[in-house]
């Protein structure tokens, strides 16, 4: 499957999906559902942590460094600004020949009622 064909498949999905580089945290592609969820017009995205999380560094909940090459991983992301917990499934894929990449799909969400914990001084220890 070509990159363009894969992007066409992502565009058909109703679940928000994004392709992100594991080493640089750059968003390589976002489908229409993801652009709508994160209020993004066109291709005005950069790093996942600033585009989706409105942060200046990788978030403390980052799972990029924990994704295993062959196994999808399900995890929750707590977005305290939106008061929402997003249920994600993430898997490494071959998309960008220059960077390891993964596909992240939001499979649902719930209201987040807990308060934001004290922020750590840096993001994910493994990601930096």
N, C-alpha and C. Protein backbone atom coordinates (compact mmCIF):
# COMPACT_ATOMS: atom_id res chain seq x y z
N UNK A 1 0.86 -1.18 0.00
CA UNK A 1 0.00 0.00 0.00
C UNK A 1 0.90 1.23 0.00
N UNK A 2 0.57 2.18 -0.84
CA UNK A 2 1.36 3.41 -0.87
C UNK A 2 0.97 4.32 0.29
N UNK A 3 1.80 5.31 0.51
CA UNK A 3 1.52 6.28 1.58
C UNK A 3 0.19 6.99 1.31
N UNK A 4 -0.05 7.37 0.06
CA UNK A 4 -1.29 8.06 -0.31
C UNK A 4 -2.51 7.17 -0.09
N UNK A 5 -2.39 5.88 -0.42
CA UNK A 5 -3.50 4.96 -0.20
C UNK A 5 -3.78 4.80 1.30
N UNK A 6 -2.71 4.73 2.10
CA UNK A 6 -2.88 4.63 3.55
C UNK A 6 -3.57 5.87 4.10
N UNK A 7 -3.18 7.05 3.63
CA UNK A 7 -3.82 8.29 4.06
C UNK A 7 -5.29 8.29 3.66
N UNK A 8 -5.62 7.76 2.49
CA UNK A 8 -7.02 7.65 2.07
C UNK A 8 -7.81 6.77 3.04
N UNK A 9 -7.20 5.66 3.48
CA UNK A 9 -7.86 4.77 4.45
C UNK A 9 -8.09 5.52 5.76
N UNK A 10 -7.08 6.25 6.23
CA UNK A 10 -7.24 7.03 7.47
C UNK A 10 -8.35 8.06 7.33
N UNK A 11 -8.47 8.68 6.18
CA UNK A 11 -9.52 9.69 5.98
C UNK A 11 -10.92 9.09 6.03
N UNK A 12 -11.05 7.81 5.71
CA UNK A 12 -12.36 7.15 5.76
C UNK A 12 -12.78 6.82 7.19
N UNK A 13 -11.83 6.81 8.11
CA UNK A 13 -12.12 6.45 9.50
C UNK A 13 -12.88 7.56 10.21
N UNK A 14 -13.82 7.17 11.06
CA UNK A 14 -14.53 8.16 11.87
C UNK A 14 -13.82 8.42 13.19
N UNK A 15 -12.92 7.51 13.60
CA UNK A 15 -12.11 7.72 14.80
C UNK A 15 -10.94 8.64 14.47
N UNK A 16 -10.61 9.58 15.37
CA UNK A 16 -9.43 10.41 15.16
C UNK A 16 -8.16 9.55 15.10
N UNK A 17 -7.31 9.82 14.12
CA UNK A 17 -6.07 9.06 13.96
C UNK A 17 -4.95 10.01 13.53
N UNK A 18 -3.75 9.74 14.05
CA UNK A 18 -2.58 10.53 13.68
C UNK A 18 -1.38 9.61 13.54
N UNK A 19 -0.49 9.97 12.62
CA UNK A 19 0.78 9.27 12.46
C UNK A 19 1.85 10.21 12.99
N UNK A 20 2.65 9.71 13.95
CA UNK A 20 3.62 10.55 14.66
C UNK A 20 4.98 9.86 14.66
N UNK A 21 6.05 10.65 14.47
CA UNK A 21 7.39 10.07 14.55
C UNK A 21 7.74 9.82 16.01
N UNK A 22 8.31 8.66 16.28
CA UNK A 22 8.64 8.29 17.65
C UNK A 22 9.87 9.03 18.16
N UNK A 23 10.78 9.39 17.27
CA UNK A 23 12.03 10.02 17.72
C UNK A 23 11.93 11.53 17.85
N UNK A 24 11.13 12.18 17.02
CA UNK A 24 11.04 13.65 17.07
C UNK A 24 9.69 14.17 17.54
N UNK A 25 8.70 13.27 17.66
CA UNK A 25 7.34 13.62 18.10
C UNK A 25 6.63 14.49 17.06
N UNK A 26 7.11 14.50 15.82
CA UNK A 26 6.47 15.27 14.76
C UNK A 26 5.23 14.55 14.25
N UNK A 27 4.16 15.29 14.04
CA UNK A 27 2.97 14.71 13.42
C UNK A 27 3.23 14.66 11.92
N UNK A 28 3.16 13.48 11.35
CA UNK A 28 3.37 13.28 9.92
C UNK A 28 2.05 13.40 9.18
N UNK A 29 0.97 12.95 9.83
CA UNK A 29 -0.34 13.01 9.19
C UNK A 29 -1.44 12.94 10.25
N UNK A 30 -2.52 13.69 10.03
CA UNK A 30 -3.73 13.62 10.87
C UNK A 30 -4.92 13.46 9.94
N UNK A 31 -5.84 12.54 10.28
CA UNK A 31 -7.04 12.43 9.46
C UNK A 31 -8.03 13.53 9.82
N UNK A 32 -9.11 13.62 9.05
CA UNK A 32 -10.09 14.70 9.25
C UNK A 32 -10.70 14.65 10.65
N UNK A 33 -10.97 13.44 11.15
CA UNK A 33 -11.57 13.32 12.50
C UNK A 33 -10.62 13.85 13.56
N UNK A 34 -9.33 13.61 13.39
CA UNK A 34 -8.34 14.11 14.35
C UNK A 34 -8.19 15.63 14.23
N UNK A 35 -8.18 16.13 13.01
CA UNK A 35 -8.09 17.59 12.83
C UNK A 35 -9.30 18.28 13.46
N UNK A 36 -10.48 17.65 13.35
CA UNK A 36 -11.68 18.22 13.96
C UNK A 36 -11.59 18.18 15.48
N UNK A 37 -11.17 17.04 16.03
CA UNK A 37 -11.05 16.90 17.48
C UNK A 37 -10.12 17.95 18.07
N UNK A 38 -8.99 18.19 17.42
CA UNK A 38 -7.98 19.10 17.97
C UNK A 38 -8.08 20.51 17.39
N UNK A 39 -9.16 20.80 16.63
CA UNK A 39 -9.39 22.14 16.06
C UNK A 39 -8.25 22.60 15.16
N UNK A 40 -7.82 21.74 14.25
CA UNK A 40 -6.71 22.03 13.35
C UNK A 40 -7.26 22.22 11.95
N UNK A 41 -6.88 23.30 11.30
CA UNK A 41 -7.27 23.52 9.91
C UNK A 41 -6.08 23.22 9.00
N UNK A 42 -6.34 22.52 7.91
CA UNK A 42 -5.28 22.21 6.96
C UNK A 42 -4.22 21.32 7.57
N UNK A 43 -2.98 21.64 7.28
CA UNK A 43 -1.86 20.85 7.78
C UNK A 43 -0.99 21.68 8.71
N UNK A 44 -1.61 22.45 9.59
CA UNK A 44 -0.89 23.33 10.51
C UNK A 44 -0.54 22.61 11.80
N UNK A 45 0.09 21.44 11.68
CA UNK A 45 0.49 20.71 12.87
C UNK A 45 2.00 20.62 12.94
N UNK A 46 2.51 20.38 14.15
CA UNK A 46 3.95 20.26 14.36
C UNK A 46 4.21 19.04 15.23
N UNK A 47 4.60 19.26 16.47
CA UNK A 47 4.82 18.16 17.40
C UNK A 47 3.48 17.74 18.00
N UNK A 48 3.37 16.46 18.38
CA UNK A 48 2.12 16.00 18.99
C UNK A 48 1.84 16.75 20.28
N UNK A 49 2.89 17.03 21.06
CA UNK A 49 2.68 17.65 22.37
C UNK A 49 2.27 19.10 22.29
N UNK A 50 2.58 19.83 21.21
CA UNK A 50 2.08 21.19 21.13
C UNK A 50 0.78 21.27 20.33
N UNK A 51 0.62 20.43 19.32
CA UNK A 51 -0.59 20.45 18.50
C UNK A 51 -1.78 19.86 19.24
N UNK A 52 -1.59 18.70 19.87
CA UNK A 52 -2.71 18.01 20.52
C UNK A 52 -2.82 18.32 22.00
N UNK A 53 -1.71 18.66 22.63
CA UNK A 53 -1.70 18.79 24.08
C UNK A 53 -1.46 20.21 24.58
N UNK A 54 -1.16 21.13 23.65
CA UNK A 54 -0.90 22.53 24.01
C UNK A 54 0.20 22.63 25.07
N UNK A 55 1.29 21.92 24.83
CA UNK A 55 2.40 21.87 25.77
C UNK A 55 3.68 22.32 25.09
N UNK A 56 4.69 22.66 25.87
CA UNK A 56 5.97 23.10 25.33
C UNK A 56 7.01 21.98 25.33
N UNK A 57 6.62 20.80 25.78
CA UNK A 57 7.55 19.67 25.86
C UNK A 57 6.74 18.38 25.81
N UNK A 58 7.40 17.25 25.55
CA UNK A 58 6.67 15.99 25.60
C UNK A 58 5.98 15.82 26.95
N UNK A 59 4.77 15.30 26.91
CA UNK A 59 3.99 15.22 28.14
C UNK A 59 4.43 14.05 29.03
N UNK A 60 4.14 14.18 30.30
CA UNK A 60 4.52 13.16 31.27
C UNK A 60 3.80 11.85 31.01
N UNK A 61 2.72 11.86 30.24
CA UNK A 61 1.98 10.65 29.92
C UNK A 61 2.43 10.03 28.59
N UNK A 62 3.51 10.53 28.02
CA UNK A 62 3.98 10.10 26.70
C UNK A 62 4.20 8.58 26.67
N UNK A 63 3.71 7.96 25.60
CA UNK A 63 3.88 6.52 25.44
C UNK A 63 4.76 6.16 24.25
N UNK A 64 5.28 7.16 23.55
CA UNK A 64 6.08 6.87 22.35
C UNK A 64 7.26 5.97 22.65
N UNK A 65 7.93 6.23 23.74
CA UNK A 65 9.13 5.47 24.07
C UNK A 65 8.80 4.07 24.56
N UNK A 66 7.53 3.79 24.82
CA UNK A 66 7.13 2.49 25.37
C UNK A 66 6.49 1.57 24.34
N UNK A 67 6.24 2.08 23.12
CA UNK A 67 5.57 1.30 22.10
C UNK A 67 6.51 0.20 21.59
N UNK A 68 6.02 -1.03 21.60
CA UNK A 68 6.79 -2.16 21.10
C UNK A 68 6.52 -2.30 19.60
N UNK A 69 7.53 -2.67 18.81
CA UNK A 69 7.38 -2.72 17.36
C UNK A 69 6.22 -3.55 16.83
N UNK A 70 5.92 -4.68 17.42
CA UNK A 70 4.91 -5.56 16.82
C UNK A 70 3.57 -5.57 17.56
N UNK A 71 3.48 -4.94 18.70
CA UNK A 71 2.27 -5.07 19.51
C UNK A 71 1.54 -3.75 19.68
N UNK A 72 0.24 -3.72 19.35
CA UNK A 72 -0.54 -2.52 19.65
C UNK A 72 -0.62 -2.33 21.16
N UNK A 73 -0.66 -1.08 21.58
CA UNK A 73 -0.75 -0.78 23.01
C UNK A 73 -1.96 0.11 23.24
N UNK A 74 -2.80 -0.27 24.19
CA UNK A 74 -3.94 0.55 24.58
C UNK A 74 -3.57 1.33 25.83
N UNK A 75 -3.91 2.61 25.84
CA UNK A 75 -3.58 3.46 26.97
C UNK A 75 -4.52 4.65 27.00
N UNK A 76 -4.62 5.28 28.16
CA UNK A 76 -5.48 6.45 28.34
C UNK A 76 -4.62 7.70 28.46
N UNK A 77 -5.09 8.76 27.83
CA UNK A 77 -4.44 10.06 27.97
C UNK A 77 -5.41 10.99 28.68
N UNK A 78 -4.98 11.57 29.79
CA UNK A 78 -5.81 12.49 30.55
C UNK A 78 -5.49 13.92 30.14
N UNK A 79 -6.44 14.57 29.48
CA UNK A 79 -6.27 15.95 29.05
C UNK A 79 -7.02 16.83 30.05
N UNK A 80 -6.26 17.42 30.97
CA UNK A 80 -6.87 18.19 32.05
C UNK A 80 -7.46 19.51 31.56
N UNK A 81 -6.91 20.07 30.47
CA UNK A 81 -7.46 21.31 29.94
C UNK A 81 -8.86 21.08 29.37
N UNK A 82 -9.06 19.95 28.72
CA UNK A 82 -10.36 19.62 28.13
C UNK A 82 -11.24 18.81 29.08
N UNK A 83 -10.69 18.44 30.25
CA UNK A 83 -11.41 17.63 31.23
C UNK A 83 -11.95 16.34 30.59
N UNK A 84 -11.05 15.69 29.82
CA UNK A 84 -11.41 14.49 29.08
C UNK A 84 -10.30 13.46 29.17
N UNK A 85 -10.69 12.20 29.33
CA UNK A 85 -9.75 11.09 29.21
C UNK A 85 -9.99 10.45 27.85
N UNK A 86 -8.94 10.37 27.03
CA UNK A 86 -9.02 9.76 25.71
C UNK A 86 -8.48 8.34 25.78
N UNK A 87 -9.22 7.40 25.22
CA UNK A 87 -8.81 5.99 25.18
C UNK A 87 -8.15 5.75 23.83
N UNK A 88 -6.87 5.44 23.85
CA UNK A 88 -6.07 5.34 22.63
C UNK A 88 -5.58 3.92 22.39
N UNK A 89 -5.34 3.64 21.12
CA UNK A 89 -4.60 2.44 20.74
C UNK A 89 -3.49 2.92 19.80
N UNK A 90 -2.28 2.46 20.08
CA UNK A 90 -1.11 2.94 19.35
C UNK A 90 -0.30 1.73 18.88
N UNK A 91 0.21 1.84 17.64
CA UNK A 91 1.02 0.76 17.08
C UNK A 91 2.10 1.34 16.18
N UNK A 92 3.29 0.77 16.27
CA UNK A 92 4.37 1.15 15.36
C UNK A 92 3.97 0.73 13.95
N UNK A 93 4.27 1.60 12.96
CA UNK A 93 3.98 1.28 11.56
C UNK A 93 5.15 1.77 10.71
N UNK A 94 5.21 1.30 9.48
CA UNK A 94 6.19 1.79 8.51
C UNK A 94 5.50 2.85 7.67
N UNK A 95 5.83 4.09 7.89
CA UNK A 95 5.19 5.20 7.19
C UNK A 95 6.22 6.18 6.66
N UNK A 96 7.19 6.52 7.49
CA UNK A 96 8.23 7.48 7.13
C UNK A 96 9.56 6.73 7.11
N UNK A 97 10.20 6.61 5.94
CA UNK A 97 11.44 5.83 5.87
C UNK A 97 12.60 6.41 6.68
N UNK A 98 12.52 7.68 7.04
CA UNK A 98 13.61 8.32 7.78
C UNK A 98 13.42 8.28 9.30
N UNK A 99 12.21 7.97 9.77
CA UNK A 99 11.94 8.00 11.21
C UNK A 99 11.03 6.84 11.59
N UNK A 100 11.24 6.24 12.77
CA UNK A 100 10.26 5.27 13.26
C UNK A 100 8.95 6.02 13.54
N UNK A 101 7.85 5.44 13.13
CA UNK A 101 6.56 6.13 13.29
C UNK A 101 5.54 5.20 13.93
N UNK A 102 4.52 5.81 14.50
CA UNK A 102 3.42 5.02 15.02
C UNK A 102 2.10 5.66 14.66
N UNK A 103 1.08 4.83 14.63
CA UNK A 103 -0.29 5.25 14.38
C UNK A 103 -1.00 5.29 15.71
N UNK A 104 -1.62 6.42 16.01
CA UNK A 104 -2.38 6.57 17.25
C UNK A 104 -3.83 6.83 16.89
N UNK A 105 -4.73 6.01 17.43
CA UNK A 105 -6.16 6.14 17.16
C UNK A 105 -6.88 6.37 18.48
N UNK A 106 -7.73 7.38 18.52
CA UNK A 106 -8.56 7.65 19.70
C UNK A 106 -9.83 6.81 19.56
N UNK A 107 -10.02 5.88 20.47
CA UNK A 107 -11.13 4.94 20.39
C UNK A 107 -12.32 5.35 21.25
N UNK A 108 -12.26 6.46 21.90
CA UNK A 108 -13.36 6.93 22.73
C UNK A 108 -12.85 7.88 23.79
N UNK A 109 -13.77 8.42 24.56
CA UNK A 109 -13.37 9.36 25.61
C UNK A 109 -14.40 9.36 26.72
N UNK A 110 -13.96 9.80 27.89
CA UNK A 110 -14.82 9.94 29.06
C UNK A 110 -14.52 11.27 29.73
N UNK A 111 -15.48 11.75 30.50
CA UNK A 111 -15.26 12.97 31.27
C UNK A 111 -14.21 12.72 32.34
N UNK A 112 -13.32 13.67 32.50
CA UNK A 112 -12.26 13.59 33.51
C UNK A 112 -12.66 14.48 34.67
N UNK A 113 -12.82 13.88 35.85
CA UNK A 113 -13.28 14.65 37.01
C UNK A 113 -12.16 14.95 38.00
N UNK A 114 -11.04 14.25 37.92
CA UNK A 114 -9.96 14.49 38.87
C UNK A 114 -9.19 15.76 38.52
N UNK A 115 -8.54 16.33 39.50
CA UNK A 115 -7.76 17.54 39.32
C UNK A 115 -6.38 17.21 38.74
N UNK A 116 -5.79 18.18 38.06
CA UNK A 116 -4.46 18.02 37.50
C UNK A 116 -3.44 17.86 38.62
N UNK A 117 -2.58 16.84 38.53
CA UNK A 117 -1.52 16.69 39.54
C UNK A 117 -0.44 17.75 39.31
N UNK A 118 0.43 17.92 40.29
CA UNK A 118 1.54 18.85 40.12
C UNK A 118 2.36 18.44 38.92
N UNK A 119 2.74 19.40 38.11
CA UNK A 119 3.49 19.11 36.88
C UNK A 119 4.92 18.74 37.18
N UNK A 120 5.43 17.68 36.54
CA UNK A 120 6.85 17.36 36.70
C UNK A 120 7.69 18.41 35.98
N UNK A 121 8.96 18.48 36.30
CA UNK A 121 9.82 19.49 35.68
C UNK A 121 10.09 19.19 34.22
N UNK A 122 10.00 17.93 33.81
CA UNK A 122 10.19 17.59 32.41
C UNK A 122 9.17 16.55 32.03
N UNK A 123 9.09 16.25 30.74
CA UNK A 123 8.15 15.28 30.25
C UNK A 123 8.62 13.86 30.50
N UNK A 124 8.23 12.97 29.66
CA UNK A 124 8.57 11.56 29.77
C UNK A 124 10.07 11.39 29.94
N UNK A 125 10.50 10.61 30.94
CA UNK A 125 11.92 10.44 31.22
C UNK A 125 12.66 9.87 30.03
N UNK A 126 12.08 8.89 29.35
CA UNK A 126 12.76 8.26 28.23
C UNK A 126 12.77 9.15 26.99
N UNK A 127 11.71 9.95 26.81
CA UNK A 127 11.63 10.79 25.61
C UNK A 127 12.34 12.12 25.81
N UNK A 128 12.49 12.56 27.04
CA UNK A 128 13.18 13.83 27.29
C UNK A 128 12.31 14.93 27.45
